[in-house]
Amino acid sequence: MPIRLDSLTPNPDNPRTITLKALIRLSDSLKRDSAFMRLRPMIVDDTGLLLAGNQRYRALRDLGYEEVPDEWVTVARDLTPEQRARLVILDNGPEGSAGHWNVDVLLADWAPTELGELGMDLTRYGLPDLSHLPGHLGDGIAPPAPPREPEVWKSLRVHFKSRREMEDFNRITGLSVTEETSAIRFD
């Protein structure tokens, strides 16, 4: 039984974006090899929220599809919330595929160490190697020991989900970051 595309919801927090050129290539690929959708279907949760296949969904809509064969959509019924969150990341690998990571969205929900465990190399996006740091700052983990060798960081983006996380960061680092802070100089 066909599935209407308007019954599926793109993930508003999908951390992967795609350029127009890459979307056109993806659309061309789907036109040429639509049978591959059976091999790598879009994956949704019980509510129809896309966990995997947001860009394929977009390409199909752009191609004028209103419905797709049911084998092009798999419902992930038995996954825990943590597994669903990991699927969103793992489906978008490997690095260098057609899409690009929206690092701001990605870091809003994932600690650098968690992303490293999933095989992501954030240094490719101009961010320092933070894989040696613990998970989210607000989860009670003690700050890491200072590195033995000095490290040089080009840039560091820090995103806080709450004022408490910002206060935890200030306590751990000894800095005074506020909502107005735009840059911090590290010596």
N, C-alpha and C. Protein backbone atom coordinates (compact mmCIF):
# COMPACT_ATOMS: atom_id res chain seq x y z
N MET A 1 0.85 -1.17 0.00
CA MET A 1 0.00 0.00 0.00
C MET A 1 0.90 1.25 0.00
N PRO A 2 0.68 2.16 -0.91
CA PRO A 2 1.53 3.36 -0.99
C PRO A 2 1.43 4.22 0.27
N ILE A 3 2.50 4.95 0.53
CA ILE A 3 2.55 5.87 1.67
C ILE A 3 2.60 7.29 1.13
N ARG A 4 1.69 8.12 1.62
CA ARG A 4 1.66 9.52 1.20
C ARG A 4 2.82 10.26 1.85
N LEU A 5 3.57 11.01 1.05
CA LEU A 5 4.69 11.77 1.58
C LEU A 5 4.23 12.83 2.58
N ASP A 6 3.03 13.36 2.40
CA ASP A 6 2.56 14.36 3.36
C ASP A 6 2.21 13.76 4.72
N SER A 7 2.25 12.42 4.83
CA SER A 7 2.06 11.79 6.15
C SER A 7 3.38 11.68 6.91
N LEU A 8 4.49 12.02 6.25
CA LEU A 8 5.81 12.00 6.87
C LEU A 8 6.21 13.43 7.21
N THR A 9 6.99 13.57 8.27
CA THR A 9 7.42 14.90 8.71
C THR A 9 8.94 14.98 8.69
N PRO A 10 9.50 15.94 7.92
CA PRO A 10 10.96 16.12 7.97
C PRO A 10 11.39 16.47 9.39
N ASN A 11 12.55 16.00 9.78
CA ASN A 11 13.07 16.25 11.12
C ASN A 11 13.57 17.69 11.20
N PRO A 12 12.93 18.56 12.00
CA PRO A 12 13.37 19.96 12.09
C PRO A 12 14.75 20.10 12.73
N ASP A 13 15.19 19.06 13.45
CA ASP A 13 16.50 19.09 14.10
C ASP A 13 17.53 18.23 13.36
N ASN A 14 17.24 17.92 12.09
CA ASN A 14 18.20 17.14 11.31
C ASN A 14 19.50 17.94 11.19
N PRO A 15 20.62 17.37 11.64
CA PRO A 15 21.86 18.13 11.62
C PRO A 15 22.56 18.14 10.27
N ARG A 16 21.96 17.55 9.26
CA ARG A 16 22.60 17.47 7.95
C ARG A 16 21.88 18.40 6.98
N THR A 17 22.64 19.15 6.21
CA THR A 17 22.08 20.01 5.17
C THR A 17 22.62 19.54 3.83
N ILE A 18 22.10 20.10 2.78
CA ILE A 18 22.53 19.69 1.44
C ILE A 18 22.51 20.92 0.54
N THR A 19 23.49 21.02 -0.33
CA THR A 19 23.52 22.15 -1.26
C THR A 19 22.52 21.88 -2.38
N LEU A 20 22.14 22.93 -3.09
CA LEU A 20 21.23 22.77 -4.21
C LEU A 20 21.83 21.84 -5.26
N LYS A 21 23.11 22.00 -5.54
CA LYS A 21 23.79 21.14 -6.52
C LYS A 21 23.73 19.67 -6.10
N ALA A 22 23.98 19.40 -4.81
CA ALA A 22 23.93 18.03 -4.32
C ALA A 22 22.49 17.49 -4.33
N LEU A 23 21.51 18.35 -4.05
CA LEU A 23 20.12 17.93 -4.09
C LEU A 23 19.72 17.55 -5.52
N ILE A 24 20.19 18.31 -6.48
CA ILE A 24 19.91 17.98 -7.89
C ILE A 24 20.54 16.64 -8.24
N ARG A 25 21.79 16.41 -7.78
CA ARG A 25 22.44 15.12 -8.04
C ARG A 25 21.66 13.98 -7.38
N LEU A 26 21.19 14.21 -6.15
CA LEU A 26 20.41 13.19 -5.47
C LEU A 26 19.11 12.93 -6.22
N SER A 27 18.44 13.98 -6.66
CA SER A 27 17.20 13.82 -7.44
C SER A 27 17.46 13.03 -8.71
N ASP A 28 18.54 13.36 -9.41
CA ASP A 28 18.91 12.61 -10.63
C ASP A 28 19.16 11.15 -10.31
N SER A 29 19.83 10.89 -9.19
CA SER A 29 20.12 9.52 -8.78
C SER A 29 18.83 8.76 -8.48
N LEU A 30 17.88 9.42 -7.81
CA LEU A 30 16.61 8.76 -7.51
C LEU A 30 15.80 8.49 -8.77
N LYS A 31 15.87 9.40 -9.73
CA LYS A 31 15.19 9.16 -11.01
C LYS A 31 15.80 7.96 -11.71
N ARG A 32 17.12 7.91 -11.71
CA ARG A 32 17.84 6.84 -12.42
C ARG A 32 17.72 5.50 -11.70
N ASP A 33 17.86 5.52 -10.37
CA ASP A 33 17.94 4.28 -9.60
C ASP A 33 16.92 4.24 -8.46
N SER A 34 15.68 4.46 -8.77
CA SER A 34 14.67 4.50 -7.71
C SER A 34 14.57 3.16 -6.97
N ALA A 35 14.99 2.09 -7.60
CA ALA A 35 14.94 0.78 -6.93
C ALA A 35 15.83 0.74 -5.70
N PHE A 36 16.83 1.64 -5.63
CA PHE A 36 17.71 1.68 -4.46
C PHE A 36 16.96 2.10 -3.20
N MET A 37 15.82 2.75 -3.36
CA MET A 37 15.04 3.16 -2.19
C MET A 37 14.59 1.94 -1.38
N ARG A 38 14.40 0.80 -2.03
CA ARG A 38 14.07 -0.43 -1.30
C ARG A 38 15.24 -0.87 -0.44
N LEU A 39 16.46 -0.62 -0.94
CA LEU A 39 17.66 -1.07 -0.24
C LEU A 39 18.05 -0.13 0.90
N ARG A 40 17.72 1.14 0.74
CA ARG A 40 18.01 2.13 1.78
C ARG A 40 16.78 3.02 1.95
N PRO A 41 15.77 2.50 2.62
CA PRO A 41 14.52 3.25 2.75
C PRO A 41 14.65 4.42 3.72
N MET A 42 13.70 5.33 3.64
CA MET A 42 13.58 6.37 4.64
C MET A 42 13.12 5.68 5.93
N ILE A 43 13.57 6.16 7.07
CA ILE A 43 13.20 5.56 8.35
C ILE A 43 12.48 6.62 9.18
N VAL A 44 11.32 6.24 9.70
CA VAL A 44 10.51 7.16 10.50
C VAL A 44 10.22 6.54 11.86
N ASP A 45 9.87 7.40 12.83
CA ASP A 45 9.41 6.87 14.12
C ASP A 45 7.91 6.62 14.02
N ASP A 46 7.30 6.26 15.14
CA ASP A 46 5.87 5.93 15.14
C ASP A 46 4.97 7.08 14.73
N THR A 47 5.47 8.31 14.86
CA THR A 47 4.66 9.48 14.51
C THR A 47 4.85 9.92 13.06
N GLY A 48 5.77 9.27 12.34
CA GLY A 48 6.05 9.66 10.96
C GLY A 48 7.19 10.66 10.83
N LEU A 49 7.87 10.98 11.95
CA LEU A 49 9.02 11.88 11.92
C LEU A 49 10.20 11.15 11.27
N LEU A 50 10.79 11.79 10.28
CA LEU A 50 11.92 11.18 9.58
C LEU A 50 13.15 11.15 10.48
N LEU A 51 13.68 9.95 10.71
CA LEU A 51 14.93 9.77 11.43
C LEU A 51 16.08 9.65 10.45
N ALA A 52 15.80 9.07 9.30
CA ALA A 52 16.80 8.87 8.26
C ALA A 52 16.12 9.06 6.91
N GLY A 53 16.78 9.82 6.03
CA GLY A 53 16.22 10.02 4.70
C GLY A 53 15.60 11.37 4.47
N ASN A 54 15.94 12.36 5.30
CA ASN A 54 15.39 13.71 5.12
C ASN A 54 15.69 14.28 3.75
N GLN A 55 16.91 14.08 3.25
CA GLN A 55 17.27 14.64 1.94
C GLN A 55 16.62 13.84 0.81
N ARG A 56 16.49 12.52 0.97
CA ARG A 56 15.78 11.72 -0.03
C ARG A 56 14.31 12.14 -0.09
N TYR A 57 13.73 12.39 1.08
CA TYR A 57 12.34 12.89 1.14
C TYR A 57 12.22 14.19 0.35
N ARG A 58 13.15 15.10 0.61
CA ARG A 58 13.12 16.40 -0.07
C ARG A 58 13.26 16.23 -1.59
N ALA A 59 14.17 15.35 -1.99
CA ALA A 59 14.37 15.11 -3.43
C ALA A 59 13.11 14.50 -4.05
N LEU A 60 12.49 13.57 -3.36
CA LEU A 60 11.27 12.95 -3.89
C LEU A 60 10.16 13.99 -4.03
N ARG A 61 10.02 14.87 -3.04
CA ARG A 61 9.01 15.93 -3.13
C ARG A 61 9.31 16.84 -4.33
N ASP A 62 10.60 17.20 -4.50
CA ASP A 62 10.99 18.06 -5.62
C ASP A 62 10.72 17.38 -6.97
N LEU A 63 10.79 16.04 -6.98
CA LEU A 63 10.51 15.30 -8.21
C LEU A 63 9.01 15.16 -8.48
N GLY A 64 8.18 15.62 -7.54
CA GLY A 64 6.74 15.58 -7.75
C GLY A 64 6.05 14.36 -7.16
N TYR A 65 6.77 13.54 -6.42
CA TYR A 65 6.14 12.38 -5.79
C TYR A 65 5.15 12.87 -4.73
N GLU A 66 3.96 12.28 -4.73
CA GLU A 66 2.99 12.52 -3.66
C GLU A 66 2.90 11.32 -2.75
N GLU A 67 3.20 10.15 -3.31
CA GLU A 67 3.22 8.92 -2.52
C GLU A 67 4.33 8.02 -3.04
N VAL A 68 4.76 7.12 -2.16
CA VAL A 68 5.85 6.20 -2.51
C VAL A 68 5.44 4.80 -2.10
N PRO A 69 6.06 3.78 -2.69
CA PRO A 69 5.77 2.41 -2.26
C PRO A 69 6.11 2.23 -0.78
N ASP A 70 5.34 1.42 -0.07
CA ASP A 70 5.57 1.26 1.36
C ASP A 70 6.95 0.69 1.66
N GLU A 71 7.56 -0.02 0.74
CA GLU A 71 8.91 -0.56 0.98
C GLU A 71 9.99 0.53 0.97
N TRP A 72 9.64 1.74 0.60
CA TRP A 72 10.58 2.86 0.62
C TRP A 72 10.60 3.54 1.98
N VAL A 73 9.74 3.10 2.91
CA VAL A 73 9.66 3.70 4.24
C VAL A 73 9.63 2.58 5.28
N THR A 74 10.51 2.66 6.25
CA THR A 74 10.55 1.70 7.35
C THR A 74 10.22 2.44 8.65
N VAL A 75 9.35 1.84 9.45
CA VAL A 75 9.00 2.43 10.75
C VAL A 75 9.88 1.77 11.81
N ALA A 76 10.64 2.59 12.53
CA ALA A 76 11.52 2.12 13.60
C ALA A 76 10.72 2.06 14.89
N ARG A 77 10.09 0.93 15.13
CA ARG A 77 9.20 0.80 16.28
C ARG A 77 9.93 0.38 17.56
N ASP A 78 10.99 -0.38 17.45
CA ASP A 78 11.61 -0.99 18.62
C ASP A 78 12.90 -0.30 19.07
N LEU A 79 13.11 0.95 18.66
CA LEU A 79 14.32 1.65 19.05
C LEU A 79 14.07 2.52 20.29
N THR A 80 15.07 2.57 21.15
CA THR A 80 14.99 3.46 22.31
C THR A 80 15.19 4.89 21.81
N PRO A 81 14.85 5.90 22.61
CA PRO A 81 15.12 7.28 22.19
C PRO A 81 16.60 7.51 21.88
N GLU A 82 17.49 6.89 22.66
CA GLU A 82 18.92 7.04 22.41
C GLU A 82 19.32 6.41 21.07
N GLN A 83 18.75 5.25 20.76
CA GLN A 83 19.04 4.61 19.48
C GLN A 83 18.51 5.45 18.31
N ARG A 84 17.32 6.02 18.48
CA ARG A 84 16.78 6.88 17.42
C ARG A 84 17.70 8.07 17.19
N ALA A 85 18.19 8.68 18.27
CA ALA A 85 19.08 9.84 18.15
C ALA A 85 20.38 9.44 17.45
N ARG A 86 20.93 8.26 17.79
CA ARG A 86 22.16 7.81 17.13
C ARG A 86 21.92 7.52 15.66
N LEU A 87 20.75 6.98 15.33
CA LEU A 87 20.42 6.69 13.93
C LEU A 87 20.46 7.95 13.08
N VAL A 88 19.97 9.06 13.63
CA VAL A 88 19.99 10.33 12.90
C VAL A 88 21.42 10.68 12.50
N ILE A 89 22.37 10.42 13.39
CA ILE A 89 23.78 10.72 13.10
C ILE A 89 24.37 9.68 12.15
N LEU A 90 24.21 8.41 12.48
CA LEU A 90 24.87 7.35 11.72
C LEU A 90 24.36 7.25 10.29
N ASP A 91 23.09 7.57 10.06
CA ASP A 91 22.56 7.51 8.70
C ASP A 91 23.23 8.53 7.80
N ASN A 92 23.75 9.59 8.38
CA ASN A 92 24.31 10.68 7.58
C ASN A 92 25.79 10.52 7.28
N GLY A 93 26.41 9.44 7.66
CA GLY A 93 27.82 9.19 7.31
C GLY A 93 27.87 8.48 5.99
N PRO A 94 28.98 8.24 5.43
CA PRO A 94 30.28 8.64 5.94
C PRO A 94 30.58 10.09 5.58
N GLU A 95 31.64 10.61 6.19
CA GLU A 95 32.08 11.96 5.86
C GLU A 95 32.32 12.06 4.37
N GLY A 96 32.03 13.21 3.82
CA GLY A 96 32.28 13.43 2.41
C GLY A 96 31.13 13.03 1.51
N SER A 97 30.02 12.54 2.08
CA SER A 97 28.89 12.22 1.23
C SER A 97 28.22 13.51 0.79
N ALA A 98 27.11 13.43 0.10
CA ALA A 98 26.53 14.59 -0.57
C ALA A 98 26.16 15.74 0.36
N GLY A 99 25.69 15.45 1.54
CA GLY A 99 25.26 16.51 2.43
C GLY A 99 26.39 17.09 3.25
N HIS A 100 26.08 18.15 3.96
CA HIS A 100 27.05 18.81 4.84
C HIS A 100 26.43 18.91 6.22
N TRP A 101 27.26 18.79 7.25
CA TRP A 101 26.78 18.89 8.61
C TRP A 101 26.52 20.35 8.97
N ASN A 102 25.39 20.59 9.60
CA ASN A 102 25.13 21.89 10.23
C ASN A 102 25.66 21.74 11.65
N VAL A 103 26.88 22.19 11.87
CA VAL A 103 27.58 21.95 13.13
C VAL A 103 26.85 22.59 14.31
N ASP A 104 26.22 23.74 14.11
CA ASP A 104 25.47 24.38 15.20
C ASP A 104 24.35 23.48 15.69
N VAL A 105 23.59 22.89 14.77
CA VAL A 105 22.49 21.99 15.15
C VAL A 105 23.07 20.73 15.80
N LEU A 106 24.13 20.21 15.23
CA LEU A 106 24.75 18.99 15.73
C LEU A 106 25.25 19.16 17.16
N LEU A 107 25.98 20.24 17.42
CA LEU A 107 26.56 20.46 18.75
C LEU A 107 25.52 20.89 19.78
N ALA A 108 24.34 21.30 19.33
CA ALA A 108 23.29 21.64 20.28
C ALA A 108 22.77 20.40 20.99
N ASP A 109 22.91 19.23 20.36
CA ASP A 109 22.37 18.00 20.93
C ASP A 109 23.42 16.94 21.26
N TRP A 110 24.64 17.11 20.80
CA TRP A 110 25.65 16.07 20.97
C TRP A 110 26.94 16.64 21.53
N ALA A 111 27.54 15.92 22.46
CA ALA A 111 28.86 16.29 22.97
C ALA A 111 29.90 15.84 21.94
N PRO A 112 31.01 16.56 21.82
CA PRO A 112 32.05 16.17 20.87
C PRO A 112 32.51 14.72 21.06
N THR A 113 32.61 14.27 22.31
CA THR A 113 33.07 12.90 22.53
C THR A 113 32.06 11.89 21.99
N GLU A 114 30.78 12.20 22.12
CA GLU A 114 29.75 11.30 21.58
C GLU A 114 29.86 11.22 20.06
N LEU A 115 30.09 12.36 19.44
CA LEU A 115 30.23 12.38 17.98
C LEU A 115 31.48 11.63 17.56
N GLY A 116 32.56 11.77 18.33
CA GLY A 116 33.78 11.03 18.05
C GLY A 116 33.57 9.53 18.13
N GLU A 117 32.77 9.09 19.11
CA GLU A 117 32.47 7.67 19.25
C GLU A 117 31.68 7.14 18.06
N LEU A 118 30.95 8.03 17.38
CA LEU A 118 30.19 7.64 16.19
C LEU A 118 31.03 7.78 14.92
N GLY A 119 32.30 8.14 15.07
CA GLY A 119 33.20 8.20 13.92
C GLY A 119 33.29 9.55 13.24
N MET A 120 32.73 10.59 13.85
CA MET A 120 32.77 11.92 13.23
C MET A 120 34.07 12.63 13.58
N ASP A 121 34.63 13.32 12.61
CA ASP A 121 35.84 14.11 12.80
C ASP A 121 35.45 15.58 12.66
N LEU A 122 35.22 16.25 13.80
CA LEU A 122 34.77 17.64 13.76
C LEU A 122 35.87 18.60 13.35
N THR A 123 37.12 18.15 13.35
CA THR A 123 38.20 19.04 12.92
C THR A 123 38.05 19.38 11.45
N ARG A 124 37.32 18.56 10.71
CA ARG A 124 37.07 18.84 9.29
C ARG A 124 36.22 20.10 9.10
N TYR A 125 35.56 20.52 10.17
CA TYR A 125 34.70 21.70 10.11
C TYR A 125 35.32 22.88 10.84
N GLY A 126 36.64 22.86 11.01
CA GLY A 126 37.34 23.97 11.62
C GLY A 126 37.23 24.01 13.13
N LEU A 127 36.74 22.94 13.75
CA LEU A 127 36.63 22.89 15.20
C LEU A 127 37.83 22.14 15.78
N PRO A 128 38.22 22.47 16.99
CA PRO A 128 39.35 21.76 17.60
C PRO A 128 38.98 20.33 17.93
N ASP A 129 40.00 19.50 18.10
CA ASP A 129 39.78 18.11 18.50
C ASP A 129 39.40 18.11 19.97
N LEU A 130 38.13 17.85 20.25
CA LEU A 130 37.65 17.84 21.62
C LEU A 130 37.34 16.43 22.08
N SER A 131 37.83 15.44 21.35
CA SER A 131 37.48 14.06 21.66
C SER A 131 37.98 13.61 23.03
N HIS A 132 38.95 14.33 23.59
CA HIS A 132 39.47 13.96 24.91
C HIS A 132 38.61 14.51 26.05
N LEU A 133 37.62 15.35 25.72
CA LEU A 133 36.77 15.95 26.76
C LEU A 133 35.64 15.01 27.13
N PRO A 134 35.09 15.17 28.35
CA PRO A 134 33.93 14.37 28.74
C PRO A 134 32.69 14.83 27.99
N GLY A 135 31.56 14.16 28.27
CA GLY A 135 30.30 14.51 27.62
C GLY A 135 29.82 15.90 27.97
N HIS A 136 28.51 16.14 27.84
CA HIS A 136 27.95 17.47 28.10
C HIS A 136 28.43 18.02 29.44
N LEU A 137 28.73 19.31 29.48
CA LEU A 137 29.26 19.92 30.70
C LEU A 137 28.29 19.85 31.86
N GLY A 138 27.02 19.85 31.59
CA GLY A 138 26.04 19.89 32.67
C GLY A 138 25.73 18.54 33.29
N ASP A 139 26.43 17.46 32.88
CA ASP A 139 26.03 16.15 33.39
C ASP A 139 26.86 15.69 34.59
N GLY A 140 27.53 16.63 35.27
CA GLY A 140 28.19 16.29 36.51
C GLY A 140 29.56 15.67 36.37
N ILE A 141 30.10 15.61 35.20
CA ILE A 141 31.42 15.02 35.00
C ILE A 141 32.47 16.06 35.38
N ALA A 142 33.50 15.64 36.07
CA ALA A 142 34.56 16.56 36.46
C ALA A 142 35.29 17.06 35.23
N PRO A 143 35.86 18.27 35.30
CA PRO A 143 36.58 18.80 34.15
C PRO A 143 37.81 17.95 33.85
N PRO A 144 38.24 17.92 32.59
CA PRO A 144 39.40 17.11 32.22
C PRO A 144 40.68 17.72 32.80
N ALA A 145 41.68 16.86 32.97
CA ALA A 145 42.99 17.35 33.39
C ALA A 145 43.58 18.17 32.25
N PRO A 146 44.37 19.19 32.58
CA PRO A 146 44.97 19.98 31.50
C PRO A 146 45.88 19.10 30.64
N PRO A 147 45.96 19.41 29.34
CA PRO A 147 46.81 18.59 28.48
C PRO A 147 48.28 18.78 28.84
N ARG A 148 49.07 17.74 28.60
CA ARG A 148 50.50 17.81 28.90
C ARG A 148 51.21 18.75 27.94
N GLU A 149 50.86 18.69 26.69
CA GLU A 149 51.44 19.56 25.68
C GLU A 149 50.45 20.69 25.41
N PRO A 150 50.90 21.92 25.24
CA PRO A 150 49.95 23.00 24.92
C PRO A 150 49.26 22.71 23.59
N GLU A 151 47.98 23.02 23.54
CA GLU A 151 47.21 22.84 22.31
C GLU A 151 46.86 24.20 21.74
N VAL A 152 46.84 24.29 20.43
CA VAL A 152 46.47 25.52 19.75
C VAL A 152 45.11 25.27 19.10
N TRP A 153 44.14 26.10 19.43
CA TRP A 153 42.81 25.99 18.87
C TRP A 153 42.54 27.20 18.00
N LYS A 154 42.13 26.95 16.76
CA LYS A 154 41.76 28.07 15.89
C LYS A 154 40.48 28.72 16.36
N SER A 155 39.48 27.90 16.65
CA SER A 155 38.20 28.44 17.10
C SER A 155 37.52 27.39 17.96
N LEU A 156 36.62 27.86 18.76
CA LEU A 156 35.85 26.99 19.63
C LEU A 156 34.45 27.56 19.73
N ARG A 157 33.46 26.79 19.34
CA ARG A 157 32.07 27.21 19.47
C ARG A 157 31.48 26.46 20.65
N VAL A 158 30.84 27.19 21.53
CA VAL A 158 30.21 26.58 22.69
C VAL A 158 28.74 26.95 22.65
N HIS A 159 27.89 25.95 22.72
CA HIS A 159 26.44 26.17 22.72
C HIS A 159 25.87 25.63 24.02
N PHE A 160 25.06 26.43 24.66
CA PHE A 160 24.46 26.03 25.93
C PHE A 160 22.97 25.85 25.74
N LYS A 161 22.43 24.75 26.25
CA LYS A 161 21.00 24.50 26.18
C LYS A 161 20.25 25.28 27.25
N SER A 162 20.97 25.67 28.28
CA SER A 162 20.31 26.37 29.38
C SER A 162 21.31 27.31 30.06
N ARG A 163 20.77 28.20 30.87
CA ARG A 163 21.63 29.11 31.64
C ARG A 163 22.49 28.30 32.61
N ARG A 164 21.96 27.22 33.15
CA ARG A 164 22.72 26.37 34.07
C ARG A 164 23.95 25.79 33.38
N GLU A 165 23.82 25.34 32.14
CA GLU A 165 24.99 24.82 31.43
C GLU A 165 26.05 25.90 31.26
N MET A 166 25.60 27.14 30.99
CA MET A 166 26.55 28.23 30.84
C MET A 166 27.26 28.48 32.19
N GLU A 167 26.51 28.45 33.28
CA GLU A 167 27.11 28.64 34.60
C GLU A 167 28.08 27.51 34.93
N ASP A 168 27.73 26.26 34.56
CA ASP A 168 28.65 25.13 34.77
C ASP A 168 29.94 25.33 33.98
N PHE A 169 29.80 25.79 32.76
CA PHE A 169 30.98 26.05 31.93
C PHE A 169 31.87 27.10 32.59
N ASN A 170 31.27 28.19 33.07
CA ASN A 170 32.04 29.24 33.74
C ASN A 170 32.74 28.70 34.98
N ARG A 171 32.04 27.87 35.75
CA ARG A 171 32.63 27.30 36.96
C ARG A 171 33.81 26.40 36.62
N ILE A 172 33.64 25.54 35.61
CA ILE A 172 34.69 24.59 35.24
C ILE A 172 35.89 25.29 34.64
N THR A 173 35.65 26.29 33.80
CA THR A 173 36.76 26.94 33.08
C THR A 173 37.32 28.15 33.80
N GLY A 174 36.58 28.71 34.76
CA GLY A 174 37.01 29.93 35.41
C GLY A 174 36.78 31.17 34.57
N LEU A 175 36.00 31.04 33.49
CA LEU A 175 35.71 32.17 32.61
C LEU A 175 34.41 32.84 33.05
N SER A 176 34.10 33.96 32.42
CA SER A 176 32.85 34.67 32.68
C SER A 176 32.11 34.86 31.37
N VAL A 177 31.60 33.78 30.82
CA VAL A 177 30.86 33.83 29.58
C VAL A 177 29.43 34.26 29.88
N THR A 178 28.88 35.16 29.04
CA THR A 178 27.49 35.58 29.15
C THR A 178 26.84 35.42 27.78
N GLU A 179 25.53 35.74 27.70
CA GLU A 179 24.84 35.67 26.41
C GLU A 179 25.45 36.63 25.40
N GLU A 180 26.09 37.69 25.87
CA GLU A 180 26.67 38.69 24.98
C GLU A 180 28.10 38.35 24.54
N THR A 181 28.71 37.33 25.13
CA THR A 181 30.09 36.98 24.80
C THR A 181 30.16 36.50 23.35
N SER A 182 31.05 37.13 22.57
CA SER A 182 31.19 36.70 21.18
C SER A 182 32.53 36.04 20.92
N ALA A 183 33.53 36.28 21.76
CA ALA A 183 34.83 35.66 21.57
C ALA A 183 35.58 35.64 22.89
N ILE A 184 36.42 34.63 23.05
CA ILE A 184 37.27 34.51 24.23
C ILE A 184 38.68 34.25 23.75
N ARG A 185 39.63 34.95 24.30
CA ARG A 185 41.03 34.75 23.93
C ARG A 185 41.66 33.77 24.89
N PHE A 186 42.24 32.70 24.35
CA PHE A 186 42.96 31.73 25.14
C PHE A 186 44.45 31.95 24.92
N ASP A 187 45.22 32.02 25.99
CA ASP A 187 46.67 32.18 25.86
C ASP A 187 47.36 30.86 26.15
